[in-house]
Amino acid sequence: MNSVKKFTLLAPSTNVAIGKPSKQTDTANGLGAALGNDNNTNTCTETTSSDASWEVDLGGVFQIESVIVHGMDNGQWVSRVIAFSSEWGTYT
């Protein structure tokens, strides 16, 4: 018996944050906010405080489908889709 599999093809998403002005509450080891949206997963930002924040000014209004954060967890690189907030609300 043949099984039928259904797939949904999604258009590749565009990262509207690349190269846009960004800032963070503090910086450690010279790893500033601009490294967080430089489109290079080999670079990263670093902060000194445990409750630090990072933000990017997209310079316009965009429909955001997801926010993916790459970071370290117990010495391993991980990627997570996260909840995010904007001036219009918080999204999960």
PDB file of N, CA and C in Angstrom:
ATOM      1  N   MET A   1       0.844  -1.174   0.000  1.00  0.00           N
ATOM      2  CA  MET A   1       0.000   0.000   0.000  1.00  0.00           C
ATOM      3  C   MET A   1       0.894   1.244   0.000  1.00  0.00           C
ATOM      4  N   ASN A   2       0.598   2.161  -0.897  1.00  0.00           N
ATOM      5  CA  ASN A   2       1.364   3.406  -0.985  1.00  0.00           C
ATOM      6  C   ASN A   2       0.849   4.420   0.015  1.00  0.00           C
ATOM      7  N   SER A   3       1.777   5.083   0.671  1.00  0.00           N
ATOM      8  CA  SER A   3       1.343   6.152   1.578  1.00  0.00           C
ATOM      9  C   SER A   3       1.519   7.496   0.874  1.00  0.00           C
ATOM     10  N   VAL A   4       0.641   8.407   1.165  1.00  0.00           N
ATOM     11  CA  VAL A   4       0.683   9.740   0.578  1.00  0.00           C
ATOM     12  C   VAL A   4       1.260  10.692   1.613  1.00  0.00           C
ATOM     13  N   LYS A   5       2.275  11.438   1.203  1.00  0.00           N
ATOM     14  CA  LYS A   5       2.880  12.417   2.098  1.00  0.00           C
ATOM     15  C   LYS A   5       2.619  13.801   1.531  1.00  0.00           C
ATOM     16  N   LYS A   6       2.267  14.710   2.398  1.00  0.00           N
ATOM     17  CA  LYS A   6       1.995  16.075   1.973  1.00  0.00           C
ATOM     18  C   LYS A   6       3.076  16.982   2.523  1.00  0.00           C
ATOM     19  N   PHE A   7       3.533  17.876   1.697  1.00  0.00           N
ATOM     20  CA  PHE A   7       4.555  18.822   2.099  1.00  0.00           C
ATOM     21  C   PHE A   7       4.076  20.227   1.780  1.00  0.00           C
ATOM     22  N   THR A   8       4.463  21.154   2.603  1.00  0.00           N
ATOM     23  CA  THR A   8       4.185  22.552   2.333  1.00  0.00           C
ATOM     24  C   THR A   8       5.514  23.240   2.059  1.00  0.00           C
ATOM     25  N   LEU A   9       5.619  23.871   0.937  1.00  0.00           N
ATOM     26  CA  LEU A   9       6.834  24.598   0.596  1.00  0.00           C
ATOM     27  C   LEU A   9       6.642  26.058   0.968  1.00  0.00           C
ATOM     28  N   LEU A  10       7.575  26.571   1.727  1.00  0.00           N
ATOM     29  CA  LEU A  10       7.509  27.958   2.142  1.00  0.00           C
ATOM     30  C   LEU A  10       8.574  28.757   1.414  1.00  0.00           C
ATOM     31  N   ALA A  11       8.225  29.951   1.049  1.00  0.00           N
ATOM     32  CA  ALA A  11       9.215  30.836   0.436  1.00  0.00           C
ATOM     33  C   ALA A  11      10.261  31.184   1.482  1.00  0.00           C
ATOM     34  N   PRO A  12      11.520  31.309   1.067  1.00  0.00           N
ATOM     35  CA  PRO A  12      12.539  31.675   2.047  1.00  0.00           C
ATOM     36  C   PRO A  12      12.227  33.032   2.655  1.00  0.00           C
ATOM     37  N   SER A  13      12.449  33.138   3.950  1.00  0.00           N
ATOM     38  CA  SER A  13      12.168  34.413   4.609  1.00  0.00           C
ATOM     39  C   SER A  13      13.347  35.358   4.450  1.00  0.00           C
ATOM     40  N   THR A  14      13.069  36.624   4.588  1.00  0.00           N
ATOM     41  CA  THR A  14      14.082  37.662   4.473  1.00  0.00           C
ATOM     42  C   THR A  14      14.403  38.188   5.855  1.00  0.00           C
ATOM     43  N   ASN A  15      15.675  38.290   6.165  1.00  0.00           N
ATOM     44  CA  ASN A  15      16.110  38.836   7.440  1.00  0.00           C
ATOM     45  C   ASN A  15      16.171  40.358   7.303  1.00  0.00           C
ATOM     46  N   VAL A  16      15.149  41.041   7.786  1.00  0.00           N
ATOM     47  CA  VAL A  16      15.082  42.501   7.648  1.00  0.00           C
ATOM     48  C   VAL A  16      15.969  43.232   8.648  1.00  0.00           C
ATOM     49  N   ALA A  17      16.597  42.502   9.572  1.00  0.00           N
ATOM     50  CA  ALA A  17      17.440  43.129  10.600  1.00  0.00           C
ATOM     51  C   ALA A  17      18.899  43.280  10.180  1.00  0.00           C
ATOM     52  N   ILE A  18      19.320  42.617   9.123  1.00  0.00           N
ATOM     53  CA  ILE A  18      20.731  42.630   8.741  1.00  0.00           C
ATOM     54  C   ILE A  18      21.221  44.056   8.498  1.00  0.00           C
ATOM     55  N   GLY A  19      22.273  44.420   9.248  1.00  0.00           N
ATOM     56  CA  GLY A  19      22.925  45.712   9.067  1.00  0.00           C
ATOM     57  C   GLY A  19      22.172  46.916   9.607  1.00  0.00           C
ATOM     58  N   LYS A  20      21.018  46.711  10.220  1.00  0.00           N
ATOM     59  CA  LYS A  20      20.249  47.830  10.760  1.00  0.00           C
ATOM     60  C   LYS A  20      20.860  48.283  12.094  1.00  0.00           C
ATOM     61  N   PRO A  21      20.608  49.532  12.505  1.00  0.00           N
ATOM     62  CA  PRO A  21      21.159  50.022  13.775  1.00  0.00           C
ATOM     63  C   PRO A  21      20.664  49.188  14.956  1.00  0.00           C
ATOM     64  N   SER A  22      21.582  48.762  15.790  1.00  0.00           N
ATOM     65  CA  SER A  22      21.224  47.968  16.961  1.00  0.00           C
ATOM     66  C   SER A  22      21.960  48.503  18.179  1.00  0.00           C
ATOM     67  N   LYS A  23      21.441  48.157  19.354  1.00  0.00           N
ATOM     68  CA  LYS A  23      22.091  48.579  20.594  1.00  0.00           C
ATOM     69  C   LYS A  23      21.804  47.549  21.669  1.00  0.00           C
ATOM     70  N   GLN A  24      22.656  47.543  22.689  1.00  0.00           N
ATOM     71  CA  GLN A  24      22.475  46.660  23.835  1.00  0.00           C
ATOM     72  C   GLN A  24      22.799  47.433  25.100  1.00  0.00           C
ATOM     73  N   THR A  25      22.343  46.927  26.217  1.00  0.00           N
ATOM     74  CA  THR A  25      22.467  47.657  27.476  1.00  0.00           C
ATOM     75  C   THR A  25      23.909  47.820  27.932  1.00  0.00           C
ATOM     76  N   ASP A  26      24.761  46.839  27.646  1.00  0.00           N
ATOM     77  CA  ASP A  26      26.174  46.935  27.993  1.00  0.00           C
ATOM     78  C   ASP A  26      26.952  45.982  27.093  1.00  0.00           C
ATOM     79  N   THR A  27      28.266  46.123  27.080  1.00  0.00           N
ATOM     80  CA  THR A  27      29.092  45.323  26.183  1.00  0.00           C
ATOM     81  C   THR A  27      30.263  44.715  26.942  1.00  0.00           C
ATOM     82  N   ALA A  28      30.553  43.463  26.667  1.00  0.00           N
ATOM     83  CA  ALA A  28      31.714  42.780  27.247  1.00  0.00           C
ATOM     84  C   ALA A  28      32.668  42.377  26.129  1.00  0.00           C
ATOM     85  N   ASN A  29      33.932  42.433  26.423  1.00  0.00           N
ATOM     86  CA  ASN A  29      34.984  41.955  25.513  1.00  0.00           C
ATOM     87  C   ASN A  29      34.939  42.569  24.118  1.00  0.00           C
ATOM     88  N   GLY A  30      34.407  43.788  24.010  1.00  0.00           N
ATOM     89  CA  GLY A  30      34.351  44.470  22.717  1.00  0.00           C
ATOM     90  C   GLY A  30      33.364  43.890  21.722  1.00  0.00           C
ATOM     91  N   LEU A  31      32.493  42.987  22.169  1.00  0.00           N
ATOM     92  CA  LEU A  31      31.533  42.335  21.272  1.00  0.00           C
ATOM     93  C   LEU A  31      30.220  43.106  21.304  1.00  0.00           C
ATOM     94  N   GLY A  32      30.166  44.170  20.508  1.00  0.00           N
ATOM     95  CA  GLY A  32      29.051  45.101  20.516  1.00  0.00           C
ATOM     96  C   GLY A  32      27.819  44.638  19.780  1.00  0.00           C
ATOM     97  N   ALA A  33      26.782  45.445  19.876  1.00  0.00           N
ATOM     98  CA  ALA A  33      25.451  45.114  19.358  1.00  0.00           C
ATOM     99  C   ALA A  33      25.428  44.819  17.865  1.00  0.00           C
ATOM    100  N   ALA A  34      26.239  45.497  17.074  1.00  0.00           N
ATOM    101  CA  ALA A  34      26.214  45.308  15.619  1.00  0.00           C
ATOM    102  C   ALA A  34      26.567  43.881  15.211  1.00  0.00           C
ATOM    103  N   LEU A  35      27.262  43.143  16.073  1.00  0.00           N
ATOM    104  CA  LEU A  35      27.596  41.750  15.765  1.00  0.00           C
ATOM    105  C   LEU A  35      26.380  40.838  15.878  1.00  0.00           C
ATOM    106  N   GLY A  36      25.299  41.332  16.457  1.00  0.00           N
ATOM    107  CA  GLY A  36      24.096  40.534  16.616  1.00  0.00           C
ATOM    108  C   GLY A  36      23.228  40.463  15.379  1.00  0.00           C
ATOM    109  N   ASN A  37      23.458  41.338  14.427  1.00  0.00           N
ATOM    110  CA  ASN A  37      22.655  41.323  13.200  1.00  0.00           C
ATOM    111  C   ASN A  37      23.527  41.610  11.971  1.00  0.00           C
ATOM    112  N   ASP A  38      24.722  41.011  11.962  1.00  0.00           N
ATOM    113  CA  ASP A  38      25.638  41.192  10.836  1.00  0.00           C
ATOM    114  C   ASP A  38      25.559  40.062   9.815  1.00  0.00           C
ATOM    115  N   ASN A  39      24.605  39.148   9.990  1.00  0.00           N
ATOM    116  CA  ASN A  39      24.379  38.012   9.089  1.00  0.00           C
ATOM    117  C   ASN A  39      25.541  37.013   9.105  1.00  0.00           C
ATOM    118  N   ASN A  40      26.289  36.982  10.197  1.00  0.00           N
ATOM    119  CA  ASN A  40      27.401  36.061  10.327  1.00  0.00           C
ATOM    120  C   ASN A  40      27.200  35.256  11.608  1.00  0.00           C
ATOM    121  N   THR A  41      26.872  33.984  11.488  1.00  0.00           N
ATOM    122  CA  THR A  41      26.623  33.176  12.677  1.00  0.00           C
ATOM    123  C   THR A  41      27.910  32.811  13.409  1.00  0.00           C
ATOM    124  N   ASN A  42      29.062  33.234  12.902  1.00  0.00           N
ATOM    125  CA  ASN A  42      30.323  33.013  13.599  1.00  0.00           C
ATOM    126  C   ASN A  42      30.671  34.174  14.524  1.00  0.00           C
ATOM    127  N   THR A  43      29.862  35.223  14.527  1.00  0.00           N
ATOM    128  CA  THR A  43      30.079  36.352  15.430  1.00  0.00           C
ATOM    129  C   THR A  43      28.912  36.439  16.398  1.00  0.00           C
ATOM    130  N   CYS A  44      29.132  37.136  17.500  1.00  0.00           N
ATOM    131  CA  CYS A  44      28.064  37.287  18.478  1.00  0.00           C
ATOM    132  C   CYS A  44      28.316  38.526  19.331  1.00  0.00           C
ATOM    133  N   THR A  45      27.285  38.950  20.004  1.00  0.00           N
ATOM    134  CA  THR A  45      27.417  40.028  20.979  1.00  0.00           C
ATOM    135  C   THR A  45      27.697  39.392  22.332  1.00  0.00           C
ATOM    136  N   GLU A  46      28.167  40.218  23.260  1.00  0.00           N
ATOM    137  CA  GLU A  46      28.351  39.723  24.618  1.00  0.00           C
ATOM    138  C   GLU A  46      28.097  40.873  25.575  1.00  0.00           C
ATOM    139  N   THR A  47      27.417  40.573  26.654  1.00  0.00           N
ATOM    140  CA  THR A  47      27.117  41.584  27.661  1.00  0.00           C
ATOM    141  C   THR A  47      27.678  41.154  29.009  1.00  0.00           C
ATOM    142  N   THR A  48      27.759  42.113  29.914  1.00  0.00           N
ATOM    143  CA  THR A  48      28.291  41.810  31.245  1.00  0.00           C
ATOM    144  C   THR A  48      27.202  41.457  32.240  1.00  0.00           C
ATOM    145  N   SER A  49      25.982  41.897  31.999  1.00  0.00           N
ATOM    146  CA  SER A  49      24.914  41.684  32.983  1.00  0.00           C
ATOM    147  C   SER A  49      24.001  40.539  32.566  1.00  0.00           C
ATOM    148  N   SER A  50      23.427  39.879  33.545  1.00  0.00           N
ATOM    149  CA  SER A  50      22.542  38.739  33.271  1.00  0.00           C
ATOM    150  C   SER A  50      21.165  39.178  32.783  1.00  0.00           C
ATOM    151  N   ASP A  51      20.795  40.429  33.024  1.00  0.00           N
ATOM    152  CA  ASP A  51      19.486  40.916  32.571  1.00  0.00           C
ATOM    153  C   ASP A  51      19.627  41.925  31.431  1.00  0.00           C
ATOM    154  N   ALA A  52      20.642  41.761  30.620  1.00  0.00           N
ATOM    155  CA  ALA A  52      20.902  42.669  29.504  1.00  0.00           C
ATOM    156  C   ALA A  52      19.810  42.565  28.446  1.00  0.00           C
ATOM    157  N   SER A  53      19.689  43.603  27.631  1.00  0.00           N
ATOM    158  CA  SER A  53      18.762  43.557  26.507  1.00  0.00           C
ATOM    159  C   SER A  53      19.471  44.023  25.244  1.00  0.00           C
ATOM    160  N   TRP A  54      18.956  43.600  24.117  1.00  0.00           N
ATOM    161  CA  TRP A  54      19.483  43.950  22.796  1.00  0.00           C
ATOM    162  C   TRP A  54      18.295  44.348  21.943  1.00  0.00           C
ATOM    163  N   GLU A  55      18.447  45.372  21.118  1.00  0.00           N
ATOM    164  CA  GLU A  55      17.351  45.759  20.225  1.00  0.00           C
ATOM    165  C   GLU A  55      17.892  46.238  18.893  1.00  0.00           C
ATOM    166  N   VAL A  56      17.047  46.137  17.888  1.00  0.00           N
ATOM    167  CA  VAL A  56      17.399  46.575  16.540  1.00  0.00           C
ATOM    168  C   VAL A  56      16.284  47.475  16.025  1.00  0.00           C
ATOM    169  N   ASP A  57      16.670  48.555  15.346  1.00  0.00           N
ATOM    170  CA  ASP A  57      15.713  49.462  14.710  1.00  0.00           C
ATOM    171  C   ASP A  57      15.614  49.057  13.244  1.00  0.00           C
ATOM    172  N   LEU A  58      14.492  48.479  12.867  1.00  0.00           N
ATOM    173  CA  LEU A  58      14.315  47.997  11.499  1.00  0.00           C
ATOM    174  C   LEU A  58      14.128  49.134  10.503  1.00  0.00           C
ATOM    175  N   GLY A  59      13.868  50.338  10.988  1.00  0.00           N
ATOM    176  CA  GLY A  59      13.757  51.489  10.103  1.00  0.00           C
ATOM    177  C   GLY A  59      12.486  51.525   9.285  1.00  0.00           C
ATOM    178  N   GLY A  60      11.512  50.741   9.629  1.00  0.00           N
ATOM    179  CA  GLY A  60      10.258  50.716   8.897  1.00  0.00           C
ATOM    180  C   GLY A  60       9.298  49.732   9.531  1.00  0.00           C
ATOM    181  N   VAL A  61       8.166  49.564   8.899  1.00  0.00           N
ATOM    182  CA  VAL A  61       7.148  48.637   9.390  1.00  0.00           C
ATOM    183  C   VAL A  61       7.225  47.373   8.535  1.00  0.00           C
ATOM    184  N   PHE A  62       7.343  46.232   9.205  1.00  0.00           N
ATOM    185  CA  PHE A  62       7.451  44.949   8.526  1.00  0.00           C
ATOM    186  C   PHE A  62       6.528  43.941   9.188  1.00  0.00           C
ATOM    187  N   GLN A  63       6.050  42.977   8.421  1.00  0.00           N
ATOM    188  CA  GLN A  63       5.312  41.858   8.991  1.00  0.00           C
ATOM    189  C   GLN A  63       6.352  40.840   9.429  1.00  0.00           C
ATOM    190  N   ILE A  64       6.472  40.634  10.744  1.00  0.00           N
ATOM    191  CA  ILE A  64       7.468  39.719  11.291  1.00  0.00           C
ATOM    192  C   ILE A  64       6.813  38.373  11.550  1.00  0.00           C
ATOM    193  N   GLU A  65       7.346  37.326  10.945  1.00  0.00           N
ATOM    194  CA  GLU A  65       6.807  35.990  11.123  1.00  0.00           C
ATOM    195  C   GLU A  65       7.494  35.249  12.255  1.00  0.00           C
ATOM    196  N   SER A  66       8.765  35.500  12.474  1.00  0.00           N
ATOM    197  CA  SER A  66       9.475  34.839  13.561  1.00  0.00           C
ATOM    198  C   SER A  66      10.752  35.595  13.882  1.00  0.00           C
ATOM    199  N   VAL A  67      11.236  35.361  15.077  1.00  0.00           N
ATOM    200  CA  VAL A  67      12.522  35.887  15.519  1.00  0.00           C
ATOM    201  C   VAL A  67      13.327  34.686  15.973  1.00  0.00           C
ATOM    202  N   ILE A  68      14.487  34.493  15.374  1.00  0.00           N
ATOM    203  CA  ILE A  68      15.342  33.365  15.727  1.00  0.00           C
ATOM    204  C   ILE A  68      16.614  33.906  16.357  1.00  0.00           C
ATOM    205  N   VAL A  69      16.926  33.381  17.526  1.00  0.00           N
ATOM    206  CA  VAL A  69      18.121  33.808  18.249  1.00  0.00           C
ATOM    207  C   VAL A  69      19.087  32.633  18.310  1.00  0.00           C
ATOM    208  N   HIS A  70      20.335  32.880  17.936  1.00  0.00           N
ATOM    209  CA  HIS A  70      21.396  31.887  18.055  1.00  0.00           C
ATOM    210  C   HIS A  70      22.194  32.260  19.290  1.00  0.00           C
ATOM    211  N   GLY A  71      22.486  31.314  20.134  1.00  0.00           N
ATOM    212  CA  GLY A  71      23.239  31.616  21.339  1.00  0.00           C
ATOM    213  C   GLY A  71      23.907  30.386  21.914  1.00  0.00           C
ATOM    214  N   MET A  72      24.623  30.608  22.994  1.00  0.00           N
ATOM    215  CA  MET A  72      25.328  29.521  23.666  1.00  0.00           C
ATOM    216  C   MET A  72      24.475  28.988  24.809  1.00  0.00           C
ATOM    217  N   ASP A  73      24.453  27.670  24.932  1.00  0.00           N
ATOM    218  CA  ASP A  73      23.782  27.009  26.042  1.00  0.00           C
ATOM    219  C   ASP A  73      24.694  25.884  26.496  1.00  0.00           C
ATOM    220  N   ASN A  74      25.274  26.045  27.661  1.00  0.00           N
ATOM    221  CA  ASN A  74      26.221  25.050  28.182  1.00  0.00           C
ATOM    222  C   ASN A  74      27.352  24.760  27.192  1.00  0.00           C
ATOM    223  N   GLY A  75      27.856  25.826  26.565  1.00  0.00           N
ATOM    224  CA  GLY A  75      28.985  25.682  25.652  1.00  0.00           C
ATOM    225  C   GLY A  75      28.644  25.201  24.265  1.00  0.00           C
ATOM    226  N   GLN A  76      27.360  25.008  23.955  1.00  0.00           N
ATOM    227  CA  GLN A  76      26.926  24.555  22.636  1.00  0.00           C
ATOM    228  C   GLN A  76      26.092  25.642  21.960  1.00  0.00           C
ATOM    229  N   TRP A  77      26.326  25.866  20.656  1.00  0.00           N
ATOM    230  CA  TRP A  77      25.513  26.824  19.912  1.00  0.00           C
ATOM    231  C   TRP A  77      24.119  26.247  19.717  1.00  0.00           C
ATOM    232  N   VAL A  78      23.109  27.034  19.988  1.00  0.00           N
ATOM    233  CA  VAL A  78      21.722  26.620  19.799  1.00  0.00           C
ATOM    234  C   VAL A  78      20.963  27.732  19.078  1.00  0.00           C
ATOM    235  N   SER A  79      19.894  27.385  18.421  1.00  0.00           N
ATOM    236  CA  SER A  79      19.007  28.352  17.779  1.00  0.00           C
ATOM    237  C   SER A  79      17.631  28.178  18.382  1.00  0.00           C
ATOM    238  N   ARG A  80      16.987  29.287  18.678  1.00  0.00           N
ATOM    239  CA  ARG A  80      15.653  29.233  19.266  1.00  0.00           C
ATOM    240  C   ARG A  80      14.762  30.274  18.597  1.00  0.00           C
ATOM    241  N   VAL A  81      13.523  29.894  18.376  1.00  0.00           N
ATOM    242  CA  VAL A  81      12.500  30.865  17.986  1.00  0.00           C
ATOM    243  C   VAL A  81      11.972  31.413  19.298  1.00  0.00           C
ATOM    244  N   ILE A  82      11.959  32.729  19.432  1.00  0.00           N
ATOM    245  CA  ILE A  82      11.611  33.327  20.719  1.00  0.00           C
ATOM    246  C   ILE A  82      10.379  34.208  20.618  1.00  0.00           C
ATOM    247  N   ALA A  83       9.844  34.525  21.759  1.00  0.00           N
ATOM    248  CA  ALA A  83       8.811  35.554  21.840  1.00  0.00           C
ATOM    249  C   ALA A  83       9.518  36.894  21.700  1.00  0.00           C
ATOM    250  N   PHE A  84       8.837  37.866  21.155  1.00  0.00           N
ATOM    251  CA  PHE A  84       9.450  39.178  21.002  1.00  0.00           C
ATOM    252  C   PHE A  84       8.422  40.252  21.223  1.00  0.00           C
ATOM    253  N   SER A  85       8.890  41.460  21.434  1.00  0.00           N
ATOM    254  CA  SER A  85       7.955  42.566  21.652  1.00  0.00           C
ATOM    255  C   SER A  85       8.283  43.714  20.712  1.00  0.00           C
ATOM    256  N   SER A  86       7.270  44.483  20.426  1.00  0.00           N
ATOM    257  CA  SER A  86       7.417  45.675  19.598  1.00  0.00           C
ATOM    258  C   SER A  86       6.584  46.772  20.247  1.00  0.00           C
ATOM    259  N   GLU A  87       6.591  47.926  19.643  1.00  0.00           N
ATOM    260  CA  GLU A  87       5.797  49.001  20.217  1.00  0.00           C
ATOM    261  C   GLU A  87       4.303  48.722  20.126  1.00  0.00           C
ATOM    262  N   TRP A  88       3.910  47.695  19.366  1.00  0.00           N
ATOM    263  CA  TRP A  88       2.496  47.351  19.230  1.00  0.00           C
ATOM    264  C   TRP A  88       2.074  46.175  20.075  1.00  0.00           C
ATOM    265  N   GLY A  89       3.019  45.506  20.716  1.00  0.00           N
ATOM    266  CA  GLY A  89       2.627  44.394  21.580  1.00  0.00           C
ATOM    267  C   GLY A  89       3.701  43.344  21.714  1.00  0.00           C
ATOM    268  N   THR A  90       3.395  42.308  22.455  1.00  0.00           N
ATOM    269  CA  THR A  90       4.300  41.194  22.669  1.00  0.00           C
ATOM    270  C   THR A  90       3.745  39.978  21.941  1.00  0.00           C
ATOM    271  N   TYR A  91       4.644  39.224  21.290  1.00  0.00           N
ATOM    272  CA  TYR A  91       4.244  38.094  20.468  1.00  0.00           C
ATOM    273  C   TYR A  91       4.956  36.838  20.937  1.00  0.00           C
ATOM    274  N   THR A  92       4.246  35.735  20.958  1.00  0.00           N
ATOM    275  CA  THR A  92       4.856  34.473  21.377  1.00  0.00           C
ATOM    276  C   THR A  92       4.747  33.430  20.291  1.00  0.00           C
TER     277      THR A  92
END
